[in-house]
C-alpha atoms as a PDB file:
ATOM      1  CA  UNK A   1      84.008 119.499  96.216  1.00  0.00           C
ATOM      2  CA  UNK A   2      82.900 116.583  93.911  1.00  0.00           C
ATOM      3  CA  UNK A   3      85.620 117.777  91.557  1.00  0.00           C
ATOM      4  CA  UNK A   4      88.246 117.828  94.175  1.00  0.00           C
ATOM      5  CA  UNK A   5      87.225 114.533  95.332  1.00  0.00           C
ATOM      6  CA  UNK A   6      87.501 112.992  91.879  1.00  0.00           C
ATOM      7  CA  UNK A   7      90.815 114.526  91.410  1.00  0.00           C
ATOM      8  CA  UNK A   8      92.021 113.122  94.741  1.00  0.00           C
ATOM      9  CA  UNK A   9      90.676 109.602  93.688  1.00  0.00           C
ATOM     10  CA  UNK A  10      92.564 109.735  90.498  1.00  0.00           C
ATOM     11  CA  UNK A  11      95.832 110.634  92.184  1.00  0.00           C
ATOM     12  CA  UNK A  12      95.417 107.957  94.909  1.00  0.00           C
ATOM     13  CA  UNK A  13      94.501 105.327  92.209  1.00  0.00           C
ATOM     14  CA  UNK A  14      97.518 106.147  90.090  1.00  0.00           C
ATOM     15  CA  UNK A  15      99.883 106.029  93.162  1.00  0.00           C
ATOM     16  CA  UNK A  16      98.259 102.702  94.399  1.00  0.00           C
ATOM     17  CA  UNK A  17      98.806 101.186  90.932  1.00  0.00           C
ATOM     18  CA  UNK A  18     102.348 102.325  90.758  1.00  0.00           C
ATOM     19  CA  UNK A  19     102.893 100.676  94.247  1.00  0.00           C
ATOM     20  CA  UNK A  20     101.161  97.463  92.996  1.00  0.00           C
ATOM     21  CA  UNK A  21     103.444  97.420  89.890  1.00  0.00           C
ATOM     22  CA  UNK A  22     106.682  98.159  91.931  1.00  0.00           C
ATOM     23  CA  UNK A  23     105.860  95.468  94.481  1.00  0.00           C
ATOM     24  CA  UNK A  24     104.999  92.746  91.526  1.00  0.00           C
ATOM     25  CA  UNK A  25     108.276  93.727  89.820  1.00  0.00           C
ATOM     26  CA  UNK A  26     110.133  92.979  92.965  1.00  0.00           C
ATOM     27  CA  UNK A  27     108.564  89.570  93.199  1.00  0.00           C
ATOM     28  CA  UNK A  28     109.430  88.930  89.641  1.00  0.00           C
ATOM     29  CA  UNK A  29     113.238  89.450  90.516  1.00  0.00           C
ATOM     30  CA  UNK A  30     112.766  86.386  92.597  1.00  0.00           C
ATOM     31  CA  UNK A  31     110.300  84.171  90.507  1.00  0.00           C
ATOM     32  CA  UNK A  32     112.048  84.532  87.301  1.00  0.00           C
ATOM     33  CA  UNK A  33     115.552  83.437  88.420  1.00  0.00           C
ATOM     34  CA  UNK A  34     113.737  80.809  90.336  1.00  0.00           C
ATOM     35  CA  UNK A  35     112.393  79.536  86.907  1.00  0.00           C
ATOM     36  CA  UNK A  36     115.779  79.557  85.549  1.00  0.00           C
ATOM     37  CA  UNK A  37     117.352  77.723  88.533  1.00  0.00           C
ATOM     38  CA  UNK A  38     114.500  75.251  88.161  1.00  0.00           C
ATOM     39  CA  UNK A  39     115.495  74.532  84.432  1.00  0.00           C
ATOM     40  CA  UNK A  40     119.133  73.984  85.874  1.00  0.00           C
ATOM     41  CA  UNK A  41     117.618  71.600  88.413  1.00  0.00           C
ATOM     42  CA  UNK A  42     115.746  69.592  85.874  1.00  0.00           C
ATOM     43  CA  UNK A  43     118.735  69.304  83.631  1.00  0.00           C
ATOM     44  CA  UNK A  44     120.068  66.644  85.916  1.00  0.00           C
ATOM     45  CA  UNK A  45     117.333  64.087  84.866  1.00  0.00           C
ATOM     46  CA  UNK A  46     117.816  64.147  81.090  1.00  0.00           C
ATOM     47  CA  UNK A  47     121.035  65.997  80.614  1.00  0.00           C
ATOM     48  CA  UNK A  48     119.343  68.991  79.125  1.00  0.00           C
ATOM     49  CA  UNK A  49     121.831  71.597  80.313  1.00  0.00           C
ATOM     50  CA  UNK A  50     122.094  73.203  76.810  1.00  0.00           C
ATOM     51  CA  UNK A  51     118.230  74.044  76.706  1.00  0.00           C
ATOM     52  CA  UNK A  52     118.256  74.984  80.479  1.00  0.00           C
ATOM     53  CA  UNK A  53     121.264  77.609  79.882  1.00  0.00           C
ATOM     54  CA  UNK A  54     120.255  78.848  76.428  1.00  0.00           C
ATOM     55  CA  UNK A  55     116.530  79.162  76.517  1.00  0.00           C
ATOM     56  CA  UNK A  56     116.611  80.350  80.067  1.00  0.00           C
ATOM     57  CA  UNK A  57     119.008  82.879  79.571  1.00  0.00           C
ATOM     58  CA  UNK A  58     117.268  84.059  76.341  1.00  0.00           C
ATOM     59  CA  UNK A  59     113.961  84.382  78.234  1.00  0.00           C
ATOM     60  CA  UNK A  60     115.551  86.365  81.121  1.00  0.00           C
ATOM     61  CA  UNK A  61     117.258  88.687  78.597  1.00  0.00           C
ATOM     62  CA  UNK A  62     114.194  89.365  76.768  1.00  0.00           C
ATOM     63  CA  UNK A  63     112.113  90.360  80.054  1.00  0.00           C
ATOM     64  CA  UNK A  64     114.806  92.427  81.482  1.00  0.00           C
ATOM     65  CA  UNK A  65     115.769  94.127  78.138  1.00  0.00           C
ATOM     66  CA  UNK A  66     112.147  95.420  77.415  1.00  0.00           C
ATOM     67  CA  UNK A  67     111.749  96.331  80.966  1.00  0.00           C
ATOM     68  CA  UNK A  68     114.884  98.594  81.085  1.00  0.00           C
ATOM     69  CA  UNK A  69     114.353  99.846  77.521  1.00  0.00           C
ATOM     70  CA  UNK A  70     110.675 100.867  78.193  1.00  0.00           C
ATOM     71  CA  UNK A  71     110.399 101.614  81.967  1.00  0.00           C
ATOM     72  CA  UNK A  72     107.183 103.717  81.592  1.00  0.00           C
ATOM     73  CA  UNK A  73     105.306 101.117  79.481  1.00  0.00           C
ATOM     74  CA  UNK A  74     103.497  98.093  80.581  1.00  0.00           C
ATOM     75  CA  UNK A  75     104.823  96.015  77.539  1.00  0.00           C
ATOM     76  CA  UNK A  76     107.356  94.170  79.692  1.00  0.00           C
ATOM     77  CA  UNK A  77     104.403  92.694  81.689  1.00  0.00           C
ATOM     78  CA  UNK A  78     103.030  91.059  78.506  1.00  0.00           C
ATOM     79  CA  UNK A  79     106.424  89.914  77.597  1.00  0.00           C
ATOM     80  CA  UNK A  80     106.741  88.368  81.297  1.00  0.00           C
ATOM     81  CA  UNK A  81     103.467  86.569  80.487  1.00  0.00           C
ATOM     82  CA  UNK A  82     104.868  85.062  77.387  1.00  0.00           C
ATOM     83  CA  UNK A  83     108.259  84.278  78.926  1.00  0.00           C
ATOM     84  CA  UNK A  84     106.528  82.269  81.788  1.00  0.00           C
ATOM     85  CA  UNK A  85     104.573  80.334  79.160  1.00  0.00           C
ATOM     86  CA  UNK A  86     107.832  79.443  77.225  1.00  0.00           C
ATOM     87  CA  UNK A  87     109.531  78.450  80.568  1.00  0.00           C
ATOM     88  CA  UNK A  88     106.553  75.689  80.899  1.00  0.00           C
ATOM     89  CA  UNK A  89     107.349  74.604  77.379  1.00  0.00           C
ATOM     90  CA  UNK A  90     111.112  74.373  78.330  1.00  0.00           C
ATOM     91  CA  UNK A  91     110.347  72.374  81.343  1.00  0.00           C
ATOM     92  CA  UNK A  92     108.228  69.826  79.419  1.00  0.00           C
ATOM     93  CA  UNK A  93     110.880  69.355  76.731  1.00  0.00           C
ATOM     94  CA  UNK A  94     113.598  69.052  79.456  1.00  0.00           C
ATOM     95  CA  UNK A  95     111.550  66.173  81.269  1.00  0.00           C
ATOM     96  CA  UNK A  96     110.608  64.643  77.892  1.00  0.00           C
ATOM     97  CA  UNK A  97     107.031  65.191  77.976  1.00  0.00           C
ATOM     98  CA  UNK A  98     106.308  64.775  81.820  1.00  0.00           C
ATOM     99  CA  UNK A  99     102.709  65.615  82.143  1.00  0.00           C
ATOM    100  CA  UNK A 100     103.438  67.396  85.622  1.00  0.00           C
ATOM    101  CA  UNK A 101     105.548  70.008  83.845  1.00  0.00           C
ATOM    102  CA  UNK A 102     102.281  71.447  82.259  1.00  0.00           C
ATOM    103  CA  UNK A 103     101.403  72.728  85.798  1.00  0.00           C
ATOM    104  CA  UNK A 104     103.986  75.477  85.648  1.00  0.00           C
ATOM    105  CA  UNK A 105     101.668  77.294  83.171  1.00  0.00           C
ATOM    106  CA  UNK A 106      99.260  77.409  86.126  1.00  0.00           C
ATOM    107  CA  UNK A 107     101.794  78.612  88.596  1.00  0.00           C
ATOM    108  CA  UNK A 108     102.849  81.316  86.216  1.00  0.00           C
ATOM    109  CA  UNK A 109      99.242  82.377  85.760  1.00  0.00           C
ATOM    110  CA  UNK A 110      98.853  82.573  89.624  1.00  0.00           C
ATOM    111  CA  UNK A 111     101.905  84.643  89.805  1.00  0.00           C
ATOM    112  CA  UNK A 112     100.579  87.186  87.294  1.00  0.00           C
ATOM    113  CA  UNK A 113      97.601  87.926  89.477  1.00  0.00           C
ATOM    114  CA  UNK A 114      99.823  90.192  91.610  1.00  0.00           C
ATOM    115  CA  UNK A 115      99.788  92.994  88.760  1.00  0.00           C
ATOM    116  CA  UNK A 116      96.027  92.990  89.127  1.00  0.00           C
ATOM    117  CA  UNK A 117      95.724  92.975  85.119  1.00  0.00           C
ATOM    118  CA  UNK A 118      93.338  90.331  83.876  1.00  0.00           C
ATOM    119  CA  UNK A 119      94.910  90.954  80.434  1.00  0.00           C
ATOM    120  CA  UNK A 120      98.295  89.455  81.419  1.00  0.00           C
ATOM    121  CA  UNK A 121      96.545  86.103  81.157  1.00  0.00           C
ATOM    122  CA  UNK A 122      96.097  86.571  77.460  1.00  0.00           C
ATOM    123  CA  UNK A 123      99.665  85.905  76.294  1.00  0.00           C
ATOM    124  CA  UNK A 124     100.390  82.828  78.557  1.00  0.00           C
ATOM    125  CA  UNK A 125      96.995  81.350  77.051  1.00  0.00           C
ATOM    126  CA  UNK A 126      98.184  81.995  73.477  1.00  0.00           C
ATOM    127  CA  UNK A 127     101.580  80.244  74.281  1.00  0.00           C
ATOM    128  CA  UNK A 128      99.922  77.205  75.706  1.00  0.00           C
ATOM    129  CA  UNK A 129      97.303  76.922  73.080  1.00  0.00           C
ATOM    130  CA  UNK A 130     100.119  77.190  70.253  1.00  0.00           C
ATOM    131  CA  UNK A 131     102.557  74.925  72.187  1.00  0.00           C
ATOM    132  CA  UNK A 132     100.045  72.265  72.580  1.00  0.00           C
ATOM    133  CA  UNK A 133      98.624  72.420  69.054  1.00  0.00           C
ATOM    134  CA  UNK A 134     101.929  72.618  67.235  1.00  0.00           C
ATOM    135  CA  UNK A 135     104.223  70.267  69.373  1.00  0.00           C
ATOM    136  CA  UNK A 136     101.206  67.822  69.761  1.00  0.00           C
ATOM    137  CA  UNK A 137     100.605  67.714  65.928  1.00  0.00           C
ATOM    138  CA  UNK A 138     104.489  67.358  65.295  1.00  0.00           C
ATOM    139  CA  UNK A 139     104.751  64.394  67.696  1.00  0.00           C
ATOM    140  CA  UNK A 140     101.523  62.818  66.251  1.00  0.00           C
ATOM    141  CA  UNK A 141     103.364  62.962  62.815  1.00  0.00           C
ATOM    142  CA  UNK A 142     106.159  61.007  64.141  1.00  0.00           C
ATOM    143  CA  UNK A 143     108.960  63.648  64.338  1.00  0.00           C
ATOM    144  CA  UNK A 144     111.399  62.293  66.938  1.00  0.00           C
ATOM    145  CA  UNK A 145     112.570  64.317  69.998  1.00  0.00           C
ATOM    146  CA  UNK A 146     109.653  66.657  70.167  1.00  0.00           C
ATOM    147  CA  UNK A 147     108.925  65.719  73.836  1.00  0.00           C
ATOM    148  CA  UNK A 148     105.527  67.043  74.225  1.00  0.00           C
ATOM    149  CA  UNK A 149     103.900  64.229  75.968  1.00  0.00           C
ATOM    150  CA  UNK A 150     104.809  60.744  76.995  1.00  0.00           C
ATOM    151  CA  UNK A 151     101.602  59.489  75.483  1.00  0.00           C
ATOM    152  CA  UNK A 152     101.920  57.675  72.316  1.00  0.00           C
ATOM    153  CA  UNK A 153      99.263  59.759  70.563  1.00  0.00           C
ATOM    154  CA  UNK A 154      97.906  63.135  71.521  1.00  0.00           C
ATOM    155  CA  UNK A 155      94.450  63.206  69.853  1.00  0.00           C
ATOM    156  CA  UNK A 156      92.146  65.995  69.219  1.00  0.00           C
ATOM    157  CA  UNK A 157      89.729  65.211  72.175  1.00  0.00           C
ATOM    158  CA  UNK A 158      92.686  65.360  74.578  1.00  0.00           C
ATOM    159  CA  UNK A 159      93.971  68.569  73.204  1.00  0.00           C
ATOM    160  CA  UNK A 160      90.585  70.225  73.342  1.00  0.00           C
ATOM    161  CA  UNK A 161      90.243  69.197  77.091  1.00  0.00           C
ATOM    162  CA  UNK A 162      93.748  70.499  77.902  1.00  0.00           C
ATOM    163  CA  UNK A 163      93.198  73.632  76.267  1.00  0.00           C
ATOM    164  CA  UNK A 164      89.681  74.096  77.909  1.00  0.00           C
ATOM    165  CA  UNK A 165      91.040  73.346  81.170  1.00  0.00           C
ATOM    166  CA  UNK A 166      93.841  75.819  80.838  1.00  0.00           C
ATOM    167  CA  UNK A 167      91.620  78.427  79.603  1.00  0.00           C
ATOM    168  CA  UNK A 168      89.316  77.962  82.512  1.00  0.00           C
ATOM    169  CA  UNK A 169      92.165  78.275  85.144  1.00  0.00           C
ATOM    170  CA  UNK A 170      93.547  81.352  83.197  1.00  0.00           C
ATOM    171  CA  UNK A 171      90.020  82.797  83.081  1.00  0.00           C
ATOM    172  CA  UNK A 172      89.638  82.359  87.056  1.00  0.00           C
ATOM    173  CA  UNK A 173      93.039  83.897  87.768  1.00  0.00           C
ATOM    174  CA  UNK A 174      92.207  86.820  85.396  1.00  0.00           C
ATOM    175  CA  UNK A 175      89.008  87.296  87.381  1.00  0.00           C
ATOM    176  CA  UNK A 176      90.879  87.307  90.601  1.00  0.00           C
ATOM    177  CA  UNK A 177      93.197  89.805  89.099  1.00  0.00           C
ATOM    178  CA  UNK A 178      90.070  91.992  87.988  1.00  0.00           C
ATOM    179  CA  UNK A 179      88.344  91.666  91.277  1.00  0.00           C
ATOM    180  CA  UNK A 180      91.629  92.569  93.222  1.00  0.00           C
ATOM    181  CA  UNK A 181      91.841  95.795  91.020  1.00  0.00           C
ATOM    182  CA  UNK A 182      88.204  96.698  91.658  1.00  0.00           C
ATOM    183  CA  UNK A 183      88.191  96.065  95.445  1.00  0.00           C
ATOM    184  CA  UNK A 184      91.415  98.246  95.611  1.00  0.00           C
ATOM    185  CA  UNK A 185      89.827 101.028  93.802  1.00  0.00           C
ATOM    186  CA  UNK A 186      86.693 100.718  96.014  1.00  0.00           C
ATOM    187  CA  UNK A 187      88.711 100.702  99.057  1.00  0.00           C
ATOM    188  CA  UNK A 188      90.497 103.995  97.883  1.00  0.00           C
ATOM    189  CA  UNK A 189      87.260 105.622  97.106  1.00  0.00           C
ATOM    190  CA  UNK A 190      85.747 104.786 100.547  1.00  0.00           C
ATOM    191  CA  UNK A 191      88.982 105.844 102.195  1.00  0.00           C
ATOM    192  CA  UNK A 192      88.598 109.369 100.455  1.00  0.00           C
ATOM    193  CA  UNK A 193      85.006 109.517 101.370  1.00  0.00           C
ATOM    194  CA  UNK A 194      85.808 108.728 105.077  1.00  0.00           C
ATOM    195  CA  UNK A 195      88.371 111.610 104.980  1.00  0.00           C
ATOM    196  CA  UNK A 196      85.839 114.002 103.549  1.00  0.00           C
ATOM    197  CA  UNK A 197      83.265 113.010 106.112  1.00  0.00           C
ATOM    198  CA  UNK A 198      85.785 113.530 108.917  1.00  0.00           C
ATOM    199  CA  UNK A 199      86.732 116.807 107.402  1.00  0.00           C
ATOM    200  CA  UNK A 200      83.163 117.791 107.360  1.00  0.00           C
ATOM    201  CA  UNK A 201      82.703 116.828 111.003  1.00  0.00           C
ATOM    202  CA  UNK A 202      85.682 118.784 112.095  1.00  0.00           C
ATOM    203  CA  UNK A 203      84.292 121.854 110.285  1.00  0.00           C
ATOM    204  CA  UNK A 204      80.995 121.309 111.711  1.00  0.00           C
ATOM    205  CA  UNK A 205      82.615 121.082 115.316  1.00  0.00           C
ATOM    206  CA  UNK A 206      84.503 124.207 114.596  1.00  0.00           C
ATOM    207  CA  UNK A 207      81.305 125.981 113.383  1.00  0.00           C
ATOM    208  CA  UNK A 208      79.492 124.941 116.560  1.00  0.00           C
ATOM    209  CA  UNK A 209      82.415 126.194 118.664  1.00  0.00           C
ATOM    210  CA  UNK A 210      82.488 129.543 116.717  1.00  0.00           C
ATOM    211  CA  UNK A 211      78.679 129.872 117.286  1.00  0.00           C
ATOM    212  CA  UNK A 212      78.974 129.160 121.032  1.00  0.00           C
ATOM    213  CA  UNK A 213      81.913 131.781 121.377  1.00  0.00           C
ATOM    214  CA  UNK A 214      79.726 134.385 119.181  1.00  0.00           C
ATOM    215  CA  UNK A 215      76.694 133.520 121.704  1.00  0.00           C
ATOM    216  CA  UNK A 216      79.018 134.240 124.643  1.00  0.00           C
ATOM    217  CA  UNK A 217      80.234 137.539 123.258  1.00  0.00           C
ATOM    218  CA  UNK A 218      76.629 138.654 122.394  1.00  0.00           C
ATOM    219  CA  UNK A 219      75.743 137.802 125.981  1.00  0.00           C
ATOM    220  CA  UNK A 220      78.776 139.888 127.262  1.00  0.00           C
ATOM    221  CA  UNK A 221      77.776 142.739 124.927  1.00  0.00           C
ATOM    222  CA  UNK A 222      74.182 142.635 126.301  1.00  0.00           C
ATOM    223  CA  UNK A 223      75.543 142.846 129.760  1.00  0.00           C
ATOM    224  CA  UNK A 224      77.636 145.793 128.825  1.00  0.00           C
ATOM    225  CA  UNK A 225      74.834 147.339 127.148  1.00  0.00           C
ATOM    226  CA  UNK A 226      72.512 146.861 130.320  1.00  0.00           C
ATOM    227  CA  UNK A 227      75.454 148.557 132.317  1.00  0.00           C
ATOM    228  CA  UNK A 228      75.685 151.444 130.041  1.00  0.00           C
ATOM    229  CA  UNK A 229      71.709 151.963 130.169  1.00  0.00           C
ATOM    230  CA  UNK A 230      71.194 151.412 133.817  1.00  0.00           C
ATOM    231  CA  UNK A 231      74.354 151.420 136.097  1.00  0.00           C
ATOM    232  CA  UNK A 232      75.563 154.547 134.551  1.00  0.00           C
ATOM    233  CA  UNK A 233      72.185 156.358 135.260  1.00  0.00           C
ATOM    234  CA  UNK A 234      72.378 156.050 139.054  1.00  0.00           C
ATOM    235  CA  UNK A 235      75.511 158.223 139.893  1.00  0.00           C
ATOM    236  CA  UNK A 236      74.727 160.318 136.750  1.00  0.00           C
ATOM    237  CA  UNK A 237      71.307 161.218 138.046  1.00  0.00           C
ATOM    238  CA  UNK A 238      72.605 161.838 141.543  1.00  0.00           C
ATOM    239  CA  UNK A 239      75.104 164.316 140.115  1.00  0.00           C
ATOM    240  CA  UNK A 240      72.440 166.053 138.105  1.00  0.00           C
ATOM    241  CA  UNK A 241      70.192 166.078 141.064  1.00  0.00           C
ATOM    242  CA  UNK A 242      73.012 167.486 143.263  1.00  0.00           C
ATOM    243  CA  UNK A 243      74.065 170.587 141.066  1.00  0.00           C
ATOM    244  CA  UNK A 244      70.790 172.669 141.572  1.00  0.00           C
ATOM    245  CA  UNK A 245      70.868 171.568 145.327  1.00  0.00           C
ATOM    246  CA  UNK A 246      74.396 173.081 145.427  1.00  0.00           C
ATOM    247  CA  UNK A 247      73.340 176.160 143.950  1.00  0.00           C
ATOM    248  CA  UNK A 248      70.583 176.537 146.470  1.00  0.00           C
ATOM    249  CA  UNK A 249      72.893 176.211 149.460  1.00  0.00           C
ATOM    250  CA  UNK A 250      75.296 178.752 148.267  1.00  0.00           C
ATOM    251  CA  UNK A 251      75.173 180.781 151.424  1.00  0.00           C
ATOM    252  CA  UNK A 252      75.471 177.858 153.857  1.00  0.00           C
ATOM    253  CA  UNK A 253      78.946 176.933 153.374  1.00  0.00           C
ATOM    254  CA  UNK A 254      78.809 173.626 155.513  1.00  0.00           C
ATOM    255  CA  UNK A 255      75.867 172.268 153.741  1.00  0.00           C
ATOM    256  CA  UNK A 256      77.506 173.279 150.402  1.00  0.00           C
ATOM    257  CA  UNK A 257      80.705 171.358 151.255  1.00  0.00           C
ATOM    258  CA  UNK A 258      78.482 168.338 152.253  1.00  0.00           C
ATOM    259  CA  UNK A 259      76.744 168.526 149.025  1.00  0.00           C
ATOM    260  CA  UNK A 260      80.257 168.853 147.097  1.00  0.00           C
ATOM    261  CA  UNK A 261      81.278 165.667 148.945  1.00  0.00           C
ATOM    262  CA  UNK A 262      78.136 163.873 147.687  1.00  0.00           C
ATOM    263  CA  UNK A 263      78.961 165.131 144.159  1.00  0.00           C
ATOM    264  CA  UNK A 264      82.627 163.969 144.242  1.00  0.00           C
ATOM    265  CA  UNK A 265      81.453 160.569 145.528  1.00  0.00           C
ATOM    266  CA  UNK A 266      78.963 160.208 142.748  1.00  0.00           C
ATOM    267  CA  UNK A 267      81.631 161.228 140.189  1.00  0.00           C
ATOM    268  CA  UNK A 268      83.942 158.600 141.513  1.00  0.00           C
ATOM    269  CA  UNK A 269      81.270 156.049 141.311  1.00  0.00           C
ATOM    270  CA  UNK A 270      80.487 157.048 137.810  1.00  0.00           C
ATOM    271  CA  UNK A 271      84.269 156.887 136.998  1.00  0.00           C
ATOM    272  CA  UNK A 272      84.561 153.220 138.171  1.00  0.00           C
ATOM    273  CA  UNK A 273      81.546 152.218 136.182  1.00  0.00           C
ATOM    274  CA  UNK A 274      82.963 153.584 132.980  1.00  0.00           C
ATOM    275  CA  UNK A 275      86.279 151.785 133.716  1.00  0.00           C
ATOM    276  CA  UNK A 276      84.530 148.508 134.349  1.00  0.00           C
ATOM    277  CA  UNK A 277      82.538 148.826 131.136  1.00  0.00           C
ATOM    278  CA  UNK A 278      85.779 149.775 129.392  1.00  0.00           C
ATOM    279  CA  UNK A 279      87.634 146.715 130.746  1.00  0.00           C
ATOM    280  CA  UNK A 280      84.788 144.363 129.785  1.00  0.00           C
ATOM    281  CA  UNK A 281      84.698 145.808 126.237  1.00  0.00           C
ATOM    282  CA  UNK A 282      88.414 145.301 125.895  1.00  0.00           C
ATOM    283  CA  UNK A 283      87.924 141.632 126.784  1.00  0.00           C
ATOM    284  CA  UNK A 284      85.051 141.260 124.275  1.00  0.00           C
ATOM    285  CA  UNK A 285      87.187 142.766 121.545  1.00  0.00           C
ATOM    286  CA  UNK A 286      90.263 140.616 122.403  1.00  0.00           C
ATOM    287  CA  UNK A 287      87.957 137.555 122.189  1.00  0.00           C
ATOM    288  CA  UNK A 288      86.395 138.350 118.871  1.00  0.00           C
ATOM    289  CA  UNK A 289      89.971 139.210 117.431  1.00  0.00           C
ATOM    290  CA  UNK A 290      91.018 135.664 118.565  1.00  0.00           C
END
């Protein structure tokens, strides 16, 4: 039974994970176009239409092409994490280093929780670290139009604080995803255990009913046995006793007919008893068959 329960648990877990994946994929069909439209909306502020169209289209193409090409692989989910991180970098650039655009990385990190995979936080973390380190360095070198931050200088201390805070948020989101997965698996396991307990309870009730039915049948069989050993004896003993008496009154016709009447009555009584026993036996056999 433990082996069957394990197989059932594995099947239920696989089915649940597939449902989580399908549900999350549906959500991404709303979130990613929403990110693309956000880029178009931001283009109004600094006339960054080319970036909004080109980068946004490439990111959508990268995600959906991998998803379509490898439908049975989870690679597209890691591509999704990378794409969300790059969307953050796009928004920062479009808004010429506006600090608030960094929060899109945290929004994307929260979205990824729906897949219940803590490892999906790794690609977006890598994108944030590379983006902050590389573009912060290029801006500090005096390269124009990097648009990483509106600060005059992005020093090492600020970079470390940004990275640590981002890593902490990604860690918390990853922890939530991990806990959701574990709680889901625990719920499935408990549900299967409850189903097994209900099944055992039903079997126990069935066994009790079978035992009660068997006890009732035994009771009826004992009653039949008593009838066979006692009730039959009365008319049978009367018949046995009448036979010698009939022989003794051979010469007395009236007395002999009287004795024959008693004999016939006892035979009829014996026949009724035998028929009653036969009927009861049929009922018991029928109940046992059912």
